[in-house]
Amino acid sequence: AVLYPEAFPDARGPEHVAAGALAALAAE
């Protein structure tokens, strides 16, 4: 979304994945 604002004007974070979120989702 950040790289192509003309296509995706409502860009939100986070920009990159974080392993902490990946682990929390897996644990859940």
mmCIF file of all heavy atoms, coordinates in Angstrom:
data_MODEL
# 
_entry.id   MODEL 
# 
loop_
_atom_site.group_PDB 
_atom_site.id 
_atom_site.type_symbol 
_atom_site.label_atom_id 
_atom_site.label_alt_id 
_atom_site.label_comp_id 
_atom_site.label_asym_id 
_atom_site.label_entity_id 
_atom_site.label_seq_id 
_atom_site.pdbx_PDB_ins_code 
_atom_site.Cartn_x 
_atom_site.Cartn_y 
_atom_site.Cartn_z 
_atom_site.occupancy 
_atom_site.B_iso_or_equiv 
_atom_site.pdbx_formal_charge 
_atom_site.auth_seq_id 
_atom_site.auth_comp_id 
_atom_site.auth_asym_id 
_atom_site.auth_atom_id 
_atom_site.pdbx_PDB_model_num 
ATOM 1   N N   . ALA A 1 1  ? 0.830  -1.210  0.000  1.00 0.00 ? 1  ALA A N   1 
ATOM 2   C CA  . ALA A 1 1  ? 0.000  0.000   0.000  1.00 0.00 ? 1  ALA A CA  1 
ATOM 3   C C   . ALA A 1 1  ? 0.857  1.250   0.000  1.00 0.00 ? 1  ALA A C   1 
ATOM 4   O O   . ALA A 1 1  ? 0.536  2.245   -0.664 1.00 0.00 ? 1  ALA A O   1 
ATOM 5   C CB  . ALA A 1 1  ? -0.925 -0.008  1.204  1.00 0.00 ? 1  ALA A CB  1 
ATOM 6   N N   . VAL A 1 2  ? 1.969  1.211   0.721  1.00 0.00 ? 2  VAL A N   1 
ATOM 7   C CA  . VAL A 1 2  ? 2.867  2.365   0.800  1.00 0.00 ? 2  VAL A CA  1 
ATOM 8   C C   . VAL A 1 2  ? 3.538  2.617   -0.544 1.00 0.00 ? 2  VAL A C   1 
ATOM 9   O O   . VAL A 1 2  ? 3.701  3.765   -0.979 1.00 0.00 ? 2  VAL A O   1 
ATOM 10  C CB  . VAL A 1 2  ? 3.922  2.141   1.899  1.00 0.00 ? 2  VAL A CB  1 
ATOM 11  C CG1 . VAL A 1 2  ? 4.946  3.266   1.909  1.00 0.00 ? 2  VAL A CG1 1 
ATOM 12  C CG2 . VAL A 1 2  ? 3.259  2.007   3.263  1.00 0.00 ? 2  VAL A CG2 1 
ATOM 13  N N   . LEU A 1 3  ? 3.895  1.541   -1.244 1.00 0.00 ? 3  LEU A N   1 
ATOM 14  C CA  . LEU A 1 3  ? 4.596  1.675   -2.521 1.00 0.00 ? 3  LEU A CA  1 
ATOM 15  C C   . LEU A 1 3  ? 3.698  2.161   -3.645 1.00 0.00 ? 3  LEU A C   1 
ATOM 16  O O   . LEU A 1 3  ? 4.173  2.775   -4.605 1.00 0.00 ? 3  LEU A O   1 
ATOM 17  C CB  . LEU A 1 3  ? 5.207  0.323   -2.918 1.00 0.00 ? 3  LEU A CB  1 
ATOM 18  C CG  . LEU A 1 3  ? 6.379  -0.170  -2.082 1.00 0.00 ? 3  LEU A CG  1 
ATOM 19  C CD1 . LEU A 1 3  ? 6.768  -1.584  -2.508 1.00 0.00 ? 3  LEU A CD1 1 
ATOM 20  C CD2 . LEU A 1 3  ? 7.576  0.767   -2.244 1.00 0.00 ? 3  LEU A CD2 1 
ATOM 21  N N   . TYR A 1 4  ? 2.396  1.891   -3.552 1.00 0.00 ? 4  TYR A N   1 
ATOM 22  C CA  . TYR A 1 4  ? 1.484  2.235   -4.640 1.00 0.00 ? 4  TYR A CA  1 
ATOM 23  C C   . TYR A 1 4  ? 0.287  3.031   -4.109 1.00 0.00 ? 4  TYR A C   1 
ATOM 24  O O   . TYR A 1 4  ? -0.854 2.564   -4.144 1.00 0.00 ? 4  TYR A O   1 
ATOM 25  C CB  . TYR A 1 4  ? 1.014  0.963   -5.355 1.00 0.00 ? 4  TYR A CB  1 
ATOM 26  C CG  . TYR A 1 4  ? 2.161  0.138   -5.900 1.00 0.00 ? 4  TYR A CG  1 
ATOM 27  C CD1 . TYR A 1 4  ? 2.616  -0.988  -5.202 1.00 0.00 ? 4  TYR A CD1 1 
ATOM 28  C CD2 . TYR A 1 4  ? 2.810  0.496   -7.073 1.00 0.00 ? 4  TYR A CD2 1 
ATOM 29  C CE1 . TYR A 1 4  ? 3.683  -1.734  -5.693 1.00 0.00 ? 4  TYR A CE1 1 
ATOM 30  C CE2 . TYR A 1 4  ? 3.871  -0.240  -7.560 1.00 0.00 ? 4  TYR A CE2 1 
ATOM 31  C CZ  . TYR A 1 4  ? 4.307  -1.353  -6.866 1.00 0.00 ? 4  TYR A CZ  1 
ATOM 32  O OH  . TYR A 1 4  ? 5.362  -2.093  -7.347 1.00 0.00 ? 4  TYR A OH  1 
ATOM 33  N N   . PRO A 1 5  ? 0.541  4.252   -3.646 1.00 0.00 ? 5  PRO A N   1 
ATOM 34  C CA  . PRO A 1 5  ? -0.537 5.058   -3.045 1.00 0.00 ? 5  PRO A CA  1 
ATOM 35  C C   . PRO A 1 5  ? -1.632 5.430   -4.030 1.00 0.00 ? 5  PRO A C   1 
ATOM 36  O O   . PRO A 1 5  ? -2.771 5.688   -3.623 1.00 0.00 ? 5  PRO A O   1 
ATOM 37  C CB  . PRO A 1 5  ? 0.199  6.292   -2.518 1.00 0.00 ? 5  PRO A CB  1 
ATOM 38  C CG  . PRO A 1 5  ? 1.442  6.380   -3.358 1.00 0.00 ? 5  PRO A CG  1 
ATOM 39  C CD  . PRO A 1 5  ? 1.835  4.966   -3.623 1.00 0.00 ? 5  PRO A CD  1 
ATOM 40  N N   . GLU A 1 6  ? -1.302 5.477   -5.325 1.00 0.00 ? 6  GLU A N   1 
ATOM 41  C CA  . GLU A 1 6  ? -2.335 5.819   -6.295 1.00 0.00 ? 6  GLU A CA  1 
ATOM 42  C C   . GLU A 1 6  ? -3.394 4.718   -6.395 1.00 0.00 ? 6  GLU A C   1 
ATOM 43  O O   . GLU A 1 6  ? -4.562 4.986   -6.681 1.00 0.00 ? 6  GLU A O   1 
ATOM 44  C CB  . GLU A 1 6  ? -1.712 6.070   -7.682 1.00 0.00 ? 6  GLU A CB  1 
ATOM 45  C CG  . GLU A 1 6  ? -1.109 4.863   -8.383 1.00 0.00 ? 6  GLU A CG  1 
ATOM 46  C CD  . GLU A 1 6  ? 0.231  4.412   -7.800 1.00 0.00 ? 6  GLU A CD  1 
ATOM 47  O OE1 . GLU A 1 6  ? 0.792  5.119   -6.949 1.00 0.00 ? 6  GLU A OE1 1 
ATOM 48  O OE2 . GLU A 1 6  ? 0.722  3.344   -8.242 1.00 0.00 ? 6  GLU A OE2 1 
ATOM 49  N N   . ALA A 1 7  ? -2.991 3.482   -6.137 1.00 0.00 ? 7  ALA A N   1 
ATOM 50  C CA  . ALA A 1 7  ? -3.932 2.361   -6.166 1.00 0.00 ? 7  ALA A CA  1 
ATOM 51  C C   . ALA A 1 7  ? -4.560 2.117   -4.800 1.00 0.00 ? 7  ALA A C   1 
ATOM 52  O O   . ALA A 1 7  ? -5.710 1.675   -4.707 1.00 0.00 ? 7  ALA A O   1 
ATOM 53  C CB  . ALA A 1 7  ? -3.232 1.091   -6.655 1.00 0.00 ? 7  ALA A CB  1 
ATOM 54  N N   . PHE A 1 8  ? -3.780 2.390   -3.732 1.00 0.00 ? 8  PHE A N   1 
ATOM 55  C CA  . PHE A 1 8  ? -4.236 2.117   -2.370 1.00 0.00 ? 8  PHE A CA  1 
ATOM 56  C C   . PHE A 1 8  ? -4.073 3.377   -1.523 1.00 0.00 ? 8  PHE A C   1 
ATOM 57  O O   . PHE A 1 8  ? -3.104 3.510   -0.766 1.00 0.00 ? 8  PHE A O   1 
ATOM 58  C CB  . PHE A 1 8  ? -3.441 0.963   -1.761 1.00 0.00 ? 8  PHE A CB  1 
ATOM 59  C CG  . PHE A 1 8  ? -3.291 -0.231  -2.668 1.00 0.00 ? 8  PHE A CG  1 
ATOM 60  C CD1 . PHE A 1 8  ? -2.022 -0.664  -3.061 1.00 0.00 ? 8  PHE A CD1 1 
ATOM 61  C CD2 . PHE A 1 8  ? -4.400 -0.925  -3.131 1.00 0.00 ? 8  PHE A CD2 1 
ATOM 62  C CE1 . PHE A 1 8  ? -1.872 -1.770  -3.886 1.00 0.00 ? 8  PHE A CE1 1 
ATOM 63  C CE2 . PHE A 1 8  ? -4.261 -2.020  -3.965 1.00 0.00 ? 8  PHE A CE2 1 
ATOM 64  C CZ  . PHE A 1 8  ? -2.991 -2.445  -4.349 1.00 0.00 ? 8  PHE A CZ  1 
ATOM 65  N N   . PRO A 1 9  ? -4.992 4.325   -1.642 1.00 0.00 ? 9  PRO A N   1 
ATOM 66  C CA  . PRO A 1 9  ? -4.822 5.612   -0.956 1.00 0.00 ? 9  PRO A CA  1 
ATOM 67  C C   . PRO A 1 9  ? -4.949 5.548   0.564  1.00 0.00 ? 9  PRO A C   1 
ATOM 68  O O   . PRO A 1 9  ? -4.458 6.437   1.255  1.00 0.00 ? 9  PRO A O   1 
ATOM 69  C CB  . PRO A 1 9  ? -5.938 6.469   -1.563 1.00 0.00 ? 9  PRO A CB  1 
ATOM 70  C CG  . PRO A 1 9  ? -6.963 5.497   -2.046 1.00 0.00 ? 9  PRO A CG  1 
ATOM 71  C CD  . PRO A 1 9  ? -6.200 4.296   -2.491 1.00 0.00 ? 9  PRO A CD  1 
ATOM 72  N N   . ASP A 1 10 ? -5.590 4.503   1.078  1.00 0.00 ? 10 ASP A N   1 
ATOM 73  C CA  . ASP A 1 10 ? -5.761 4.404   2.538  1.00 0.00 ? 10 ASP A CA  1 
ATOM 74  C C   . ASP A 1 10 ? -4.792 3.366   3.099  1.00 0.00 ? 10 ASP A C   1 
ATOM 75  O O   . ASP A 1 10 ? -5.175 2.287   3.546  1.00 0.00 ? 10 ASP A O   1 
ATOM 76  C CB  . ASP A 1 10 ? -7.213 4.023   2.865  1.00 0.00 ? 10 ASP A CB  1 
ATOM 77  C CG  . ASP A 1 10 ? -7.518 4.139   4.359  1.00 0.00 ? 10 ASP A CG  1 
ATOM 78  O OD1 . ASP A 1 10 ? -6.619 4.550   5.120  1.00 0.00 ? 10 ASP A OD1 1 
ATOM 79  O OD2 . ASP A 1 10 ? -8.650 3.802   4.752  1.00 0.00 ? 10 ASP A OD2 1 
ATOM 80  N N   . ALA A 1 11 ? -3.511 3.697   3.071  1.00 0.00 ? 11 ALA A N   1 
ATOM 81  C CA  . ALA A 1 11 ? -2.478 2.777   3.556  1.00 0.00 ? 11 ALA A CA  1 
ATOM 82  C C   . ALA A 1 11 ? -2.436 2.785   5.078  1.00 0.00 ? 11 ALA A C   1 
ATOM 83  O O   . ALA A 1 11 ? -2.522 3.844   5.708  1.00 0.00 ? 11 ALA A O   1 
ATOM 84  C CB  . ALA A 1 11 ? -1.119 3.171   2.996  1.00 0.00 ? 11 ALA A CB  1 
ATOM 85  N N   . ARG A 1 12 ? -2.302 1.596   5.655  1.00 0.00 ? 12 ARG A N   1 
ATOM 86  C CA  . ARG A 1 12 ? -2.235 1.460   7.108  1.00 0.00 ? 12 ARG A CA  1 
ATOM 87  C C   . ARG A 1 12 ? -1.026 0.621   7.509  1.00 0.00 ? 12 ARG A C   1 
ATOM 88  O O   . ARG A 1 12 ? -0.499 -0.157  6.725  1.00 0.00 ? 12 ARG A O   1 
ATOM 89  C CB  . ARG A 1 12 ? -3.501 0.781   7.634  1.00 0.00 ? 12 ARG A CB  1 
ATOM 90  C CG  . ARG A 1 12 ? -4.795 1.476   7.252  1.00 0.00 ? 12 ARG A CG  1 
ATOM 91  C CD  . ARG A 1 12 ? -5.004 2.788   7.979  1.00 0.00 ? 12 ARG A CD  1 
ATOM 92  N NE  . ARG A 1 12 ? -6.300 3.370   7.622  1.00 0.00 ? 12 ARG A NE  1 
ATOM 93  C CZ  . ARG A 1 12 ? -7.399 3.197   8.343  1.00 0.00 ? 12 ARG A CZ  1 
ATOM 94  N NH1 . ARG A 1 12 ? -7.364 2.467   9.454  1.00 0.00 ? 12 ARG A NH1 1 
ATOM 95  N NH2 . ARG A 1 12 ? -8.539 3.758   7.967  1.00 0.00 ? 12 ARG A NH2 1 
ATOM 96  N N   . GLY A 1 13 ? -0.603 0.767   8.762  1.00 0.00 ? 13 GLY A N   1 
ATOM 97  C CA  . GLY A 1 13 ? 0.476  -0.041  9.292  1.00 0.00 ? 13 GLY A CA  1 
ATOM 98  C C   . GLY A 1 13 ? -0.056 -1.309  9.932  1.00 0.00 ? 13 GLY A C   1 
ATOM 99  O O   . GLY A 1 13 ? -1.271 -1.438  10.130 1.00 0.00 ? 13 GLY A O   1 
ATOM 100 N N   . PRO A 1 14 ? 0.861  -2.223  10.238 1.00 0.00 ? 14 PRO A N   1 
ATOM 101 C CA  . PRO A 1 14 ? 2.312  -2.132  10.044 1.00 0.00 ? 14 PRO A CA  1 
ATOM 102 C C   . PRO A 1 14 ? 2.714  -2.344  8.586  1.00 0.00 ? 14 PRO A C   1 
ATOM 103 O O   . PRO A 1 14 ? 1.993  -2.970  7.816  1.00 0.00 ? 14 PRO A O   1 
ATOM 104 C CB  . PRO A 1 14 ? 2.844  -3.261  10.926 1.00 0.00 ? 14 PRO A CB  1 
ATOM 105 C CG  . PRO A 1 14 ? 1.737  -4.270  10.930 1.00 0.00 ? 14 PRO A CG  1 
ATOM 106 C CD  . PRO A 1 14 ? 0.465  -3.482  10.904 1.00 0.00 ? 14 PRO A CD  1 
ATOM 107 N N   . GLU A 1 15 ? 3.890  -1.827  8.250  1.00 0.00 ? 15 GLU A N   1 
ATOM 108 C CA  . GLU A 1 15 ? 4.384  -1.964  6.882  1.00 0.00 ? 15 GLU A CA  1 
ATOM 109 C C   . GLU A 1 15 ? 4.943  -3.353  6.635  1.00 0.00 ? 15 GLU A C   1 
ATOM 110 O O   . GLU A 1 15 ? 4.793  -3.906  5.550  1.00 0.00 ? 15 GLU A O   1 
ATOM 111 C CB  . GLU A 1 15 ? 5.454  -0.902  6.624  1.00 0.00 ? 15 GLU A CB  1 
ATOM 112 C CG  . GLU A 1 15 ? 5.915  -0.834  5.178  1.00 0.00 ? 15 GLU A CG  1 
ATOM 113 C CD  . GLU A 1 15 ? 6.809  0.367   4.912  1.00 0.00 ? 15 GLU A CD  1 
ATOM 114 O OE1 . GLU A 1 15 ? 6.765  1.340   5.692  1.00 0.00 ? 15 GLU A OE1 1 
ATOM 115 O OE2 . GLU A 1 15 ? 7.552  0.336   3.909  1.00 0.00 ? 15 GLU A OE2 1 
ATOM 116 N N   . HIS A 1 16 ? 5.629  -3.916  7.646  1.00 0.00 ? 16 HIS A N   1 
ATOM 117 C CA  . HIS A 1 16 ? 6.246  -5.236  7.517  1.00 0.00 ? 16 HIS A CA  1 
ATOM 118 C C   . HIS A 1 16 ? 5.725  -6.174  8.603  1.00 0.00 ? 16 HIS A C   1 
ATOM 119 O O   . HIS A 1 16 ? 5.312  -5.734  9.680  1.00 0.00 ? 16 HIS A O   1 
ATOM 120 C CB  . HIS A 1 16 ? 7.771  -5.143  7.621  1.00 0.00 ? 16 HIS A CB  1 
ATOM 121 C CG  . HIS A 1 16 ? 8.387  -4.304  6.541  1.00 0.00 ? 16 HIS A CG  1 
ATOM 122 N ND1 . HIS A 1 16 ? 8.434  -4.697  5.221  1.00 0.00 ? 16 HIS A ND1 1 
ATOM 123 C CD2 . HIS A 1 16 ? 8.980  -3.085  6.597  1.00 0.00 ? 16 HIS A CD2 1 
ATOM 124 C CE1 . HIS A 1 16 ? 9.033  -3.768  4.497  1.00 0.00 ? 16 HIS A CE1 1 
ATOM 125 N NE2 . HIS A 1 16 ? 9.373  -2.779  5.310  1.00 0.00 ? 16 HIS A NE2 1 
ATOM 126 N N   . VAL A 1 17 ? 5.797  -7.455  8.312  1.00 0.00 ? 17 VAL A N   1 
ATOM 127 C CA  . VAL A 1 17 ? 5.357  -8.459  9.281  1.00 0.00 ? 17 VAL A CA  1 
ATOM 128 C C   . VAL A 1 17 ? 6.335  -8.522  10.454 1.00 0.00 ? 17 VAL A C   1 
ATOM 129 O O   . VAL A 1 17 ? 7.535  -8.253  10.287 1.00 0.00 ? 17 VAL A O   1 
ATOM 130 C CB  . VAL A 1 17 ? 5.242  -9.840  8.606  1.00 0.00 ? 17 VAL A CB  1 
ATOM 131 C CG1 . VAL A 1 17 ? 6.612  -10.385 8.217  1.00 0.00 ? 17 VAL A CG1 1 
ATOM 132 C CG2 . VAL A 1 17 ? 4.499  -10.836 9.495  1.00 0.00 ? 17 VAL A CG2 1 
ATOM 133 N N   . ALA A 1 18 ? 5.817  -8.840  11.632 1.00 0.00 ? 18 ALA A N   1 
ATOM 134 C CA  . ALA A 1 18 ? 6.638  -9.049  12.821 1.00 0.00 ? 18 ALA A CA  1 
ATOM 135 C C   . ALA A 1 18 ? 6.408  -10.465 13.321 1.00 0.00 ? 18 ALA A C   1 
ATOM 136 O O   . ALA A 1 18 ? 5.270  -10.937 13.389 1.00 0.00 ? 18 ALA A O   1 
ATOM 137 C CB  . ALA A 1 18 ? 6.279  -8.045  13.917 1.00 0.00 ? 18 ALA A CB  1 
ATOM 138 N N   . ALA A 1 19 ? 7.497  -11.158 13.654 1.00 0.00 ? 19 ALA A N   1 
ATOM 139 C CA  . ALA A 1 19 ? 7.390  -12.552 14.092 1.00 0.00 ? 19 ALA A CA  1 
ATOM 140 C C   . ALA A 1 19 ? 6.557  -12.681 15.368 1.00 0.00 ? 19 ALA A C   1 
ATOM 141 O O   . ALA A 1 19 ? 5.927  -13.704 15.593 1.00 0.00 ? 19 ALA A O   1 
ATOM 142 C CB  . ALA A 1 19 ? 8.782  -13.139 14.306 1.00 0.00 ? 19 ALA A CB  1 
ATOM 143 N N   . GLY A 1 20 ? 6.559  -11.642 16.194 1.00 0.00 ? 20 GLY A N   1 
ATOM 144 C CA  . GLY A 1 20 ? 5.761  -11.692 17.411 1.00 0.00 ? 20 GLY A CA  1 
ATOM 145 C C   . GLY A 1 20 ? 4.284  -11.860 17.102 1.00 0.00 ? 20 GLY A C   1 
ATOM 146 O O   . GLY A 1 20 ? 3.578  -12.634 17.765 1.00 0.00 ? 20 GLY A O   1 
ATOM 147 N N   . ALA A 1 21 ? 3.781  -11.146 16.094 1.00 0.00 ? 21 ALA A N   1 
ATOM 148 C CA  . ALA A 1 21 ? 2.377  -11.273 15.694 1.00 0.00 ? 21 ALA A CA  1 
ATOM 149 C C   . ALA A 1 21 ? 2.115  -12.642 15.096 1.00 0.00 ? 21 ALA A C   1 
ATOM 150 O O   . ALA A 1 21 ? 1.075  -13.261 15.332 1.00 0.00 ? 21 ALA A O   1 
ATOM 151 C CB  . ALA A 1 21 ? 2.015  -10.174 14.700 1.00 0.00 ? 21 ALA A CB  1 
ATOM 152 N N   . LEU A 1 22 ? 3.069  -13.124 14.312 1.00 0.00 ? 22 LEU A N   1 
ATOM 153 C CA  . LEU A 1 22 ? 2.935  -14.447 13.696 1.00 0.00 ? 22 LEU A CA  1 
ATOM 154 C C   . LEU A 1 22 ? 2.852  -15.524 14.782 1.00 0.00 ? 22 LEU A C   1 
ATOM 155 O O   . LEU A 1 22 ? 2.013  -16.431 14.718 1.00 0.00 ? 22 LEU A O   1 
ATOM 156 C CB  . LEU A 1 22 ? 4.149  -14.708 12.799 1.00 0.00 ? 22 LEU A CB  1 
ATOM 157 C CG  . LEU A 1 22 ? 3.972  -15.619 11.598 1.00 0.00 ? 22 LEU A CG  1 
ATOM 158 C CD1 . LEU A 1 22 ? 3.106  -14.964 10.535 1.00 0.00 ? 22 LEU A CD1 1 
ATOM 159 C CD2 . LEU A 1 22 ? 5.339  -15.960 11.010 1.00 0.00 ? 22 LEU A CD2 1 
ATOM 160 N N   . ALA A 1 23 ? 3.709  -15.414 15.789 1.00 0.00 ? 23 ALA A N   1 
ATOM 161 C CA  . ALA A 1 23 ? 3.721  -16.397 16.876 1.00 0.00 ? 23 ALA A CA  1 
ATOM 162 C C   . ALA A 1 23 ? 2.447  -16.315 17.708 1.00 0.00 ? 23 ALA A C   1 
ATOM 163 O O   . ALA A 1 23 ? 1.875  -17.336 18.096 1.00 0.00 ? 23 ALA A O   1 
ATOM 164 C CB  . ALA A 1 23 ? 4.936  -16.161 17.768 1.00 0.00 ? 23 ALA A CB  1 
ATOM 165 N N   . ALA A 1 24 ? 1.989  -15.099 17.997 1.00 0.00 ? 24 ALA A N   1 
ATOM 166 C CA  . ALA A 1 24 ? 0.771  -14.930 18.785 1.00 0.00 ? 24 ALA A CA  1 
ATOM 167 C C   . ALA A 1 24 ? -0.442 -15.509 18.063 1.00 0.00 ? 24 ALA A C   1 
ATOM 168 O O   . ALA A 1 24 ? -1.297 -16.162 18.678 1.00 0.00 ? 24 ALA A O   1 
ATOM 169 C CB  . ALA A 1 24 ? 0.556  -13.450 19.098 1.00 0.00 ? 24 ALA A CB  1 
ATOM 170 N N   . LEU A 1 25 ? -0.517 -15.282 16.751 1.00 0.00 ? 25 LEU A N   1 
ATOM 171 C CA  . LEU A 1 25 ? -1.618 -15.832 15.965 1.00 0.00 ? 25 LEU A CA  1 
ATOM 172 C C   . LEU A 1 25 ? -1.569 -17.359 15.963 1.00 0.00 ? 25 LEU A C   1 
ATOM 173 O O   . LEU A 1 25 ? -2.597 -18.032 16.127 1.00 0.00 ? 25 LEU A O   1 
ATOM 174 C CB  . LEU A 1 25 ? -1.558 -15.299 14.539 1.00 0.00 ? 25 LEU A CB  1 
ATOM 175 C CG  . LEU A 1 25 ? -2.596 -15.843 13.555 1.00 0.00 ? 25 LEU A CG  1 
ATOM 176 C CD1 . LEU A 1 25 ? -4.013 -15.575 14.048 1.00 0.00 ? 25 LEU A CD1 1 
ATOM 177 C CD2 . LEU A 1 25 ? -2.383 -15.242 12.167 1.00 0.00 ? 25 LEU A CD2 1 
ATOM 178 N N   . ALA A 1 26 ? -0.360 -17.910 15.786 1.00 0.00 ? 26 ALA A N   1 
ATOM 179 C CA  . ALA A 1 26 ? -0.215 -19.364 15.788 1.00 0.00 ? 26 ALA A CA  1 
ATOM 180 C C   . ALA A 1 26 ? -0.600 -19.957 17.140 1.00 0.00 ? 26 ALA A C   1 
ATOM 181 O O   . ALA A 1 26 ? -1.294 -20.973 17.206 1.00 0.00 ? 26 ALA A O   1 
ATOM 182 C CB  . ALA A 1 26 ? 1.231  -19.740 15.440 1.00 0.00 ? 26 ALA A CB  1 
ATOM 183 N N   . ALA A 1 27 ? -0.156 -19.322 18.220 1.00 0.00 ? 27 ALA A N   1 
ATOM 184 C CA  . ALA A 1 27 ? -0.482 -19.813 19.563 1.00 0.00 ? 27 ALA A CA  1 
ATOM 185 C C   . ALA A 1 27 ? -1.986 -19.781 19.799 1.00 0.00 ? 27 ALA A C   1 
ATOM 186 O O   . ALA A 1 27 ? -2.556 -20.707 20.385 1.00 0.00 ? 27 ALA A O   1 
ATOM 187 C CB  . ALA A 1 27 ? 0.239  -18.968 20.615 1.00 0.00 ? 27 ALA A CB  1 
ATOM 188 N N   . GLU A 1 28 ? -2.633 -18.733 19.316 1.00 0.00 ? 28 GLU A N   1 
ATOM 189 C CA  . GLU A 1 28 ? -4.086 -18.609 19.470 1.00 0.00 ? 28 GLU A CA  1 
ATOM 190 C C   . GLU A 1 28 ? -4.807 -19.716 18.706 1.00 0.00 ? 28 GLU A C   1 
ATOM 191 O O   . GLU A 1 28 ? -5.748 -20.331 19.216 1.00 0.00 ? 28 GLU A O   1 
ATOM 192 C CB  . GLU A 1 28 ? -4.518 -17.234 18.966 1.00 0.00 ? 28 GLU A CB  1 
ATOM 193 C CG  . GLU A 1 28 ? -5.973 -16.917 19.171 1.00 0.00 ? 28 GLU A CG  1 
ATOM 194 C CD  . GLU A 1 28 ? -6.318 -15.522 18.701 1.00 0.00 ? 28 GLU A CD  1 
ATOM 195 O OE1 . GLU A 1 28 ? -5.825 -14.548 19.325 1.00 0.00 ? 28 GLU A OE1 1 
ATOM 196 O OE2 . GLU A 1 28 ? -7.060 -15.379 17.710 1.00 0.00 ? 28 GLU A OE2 1 
# 
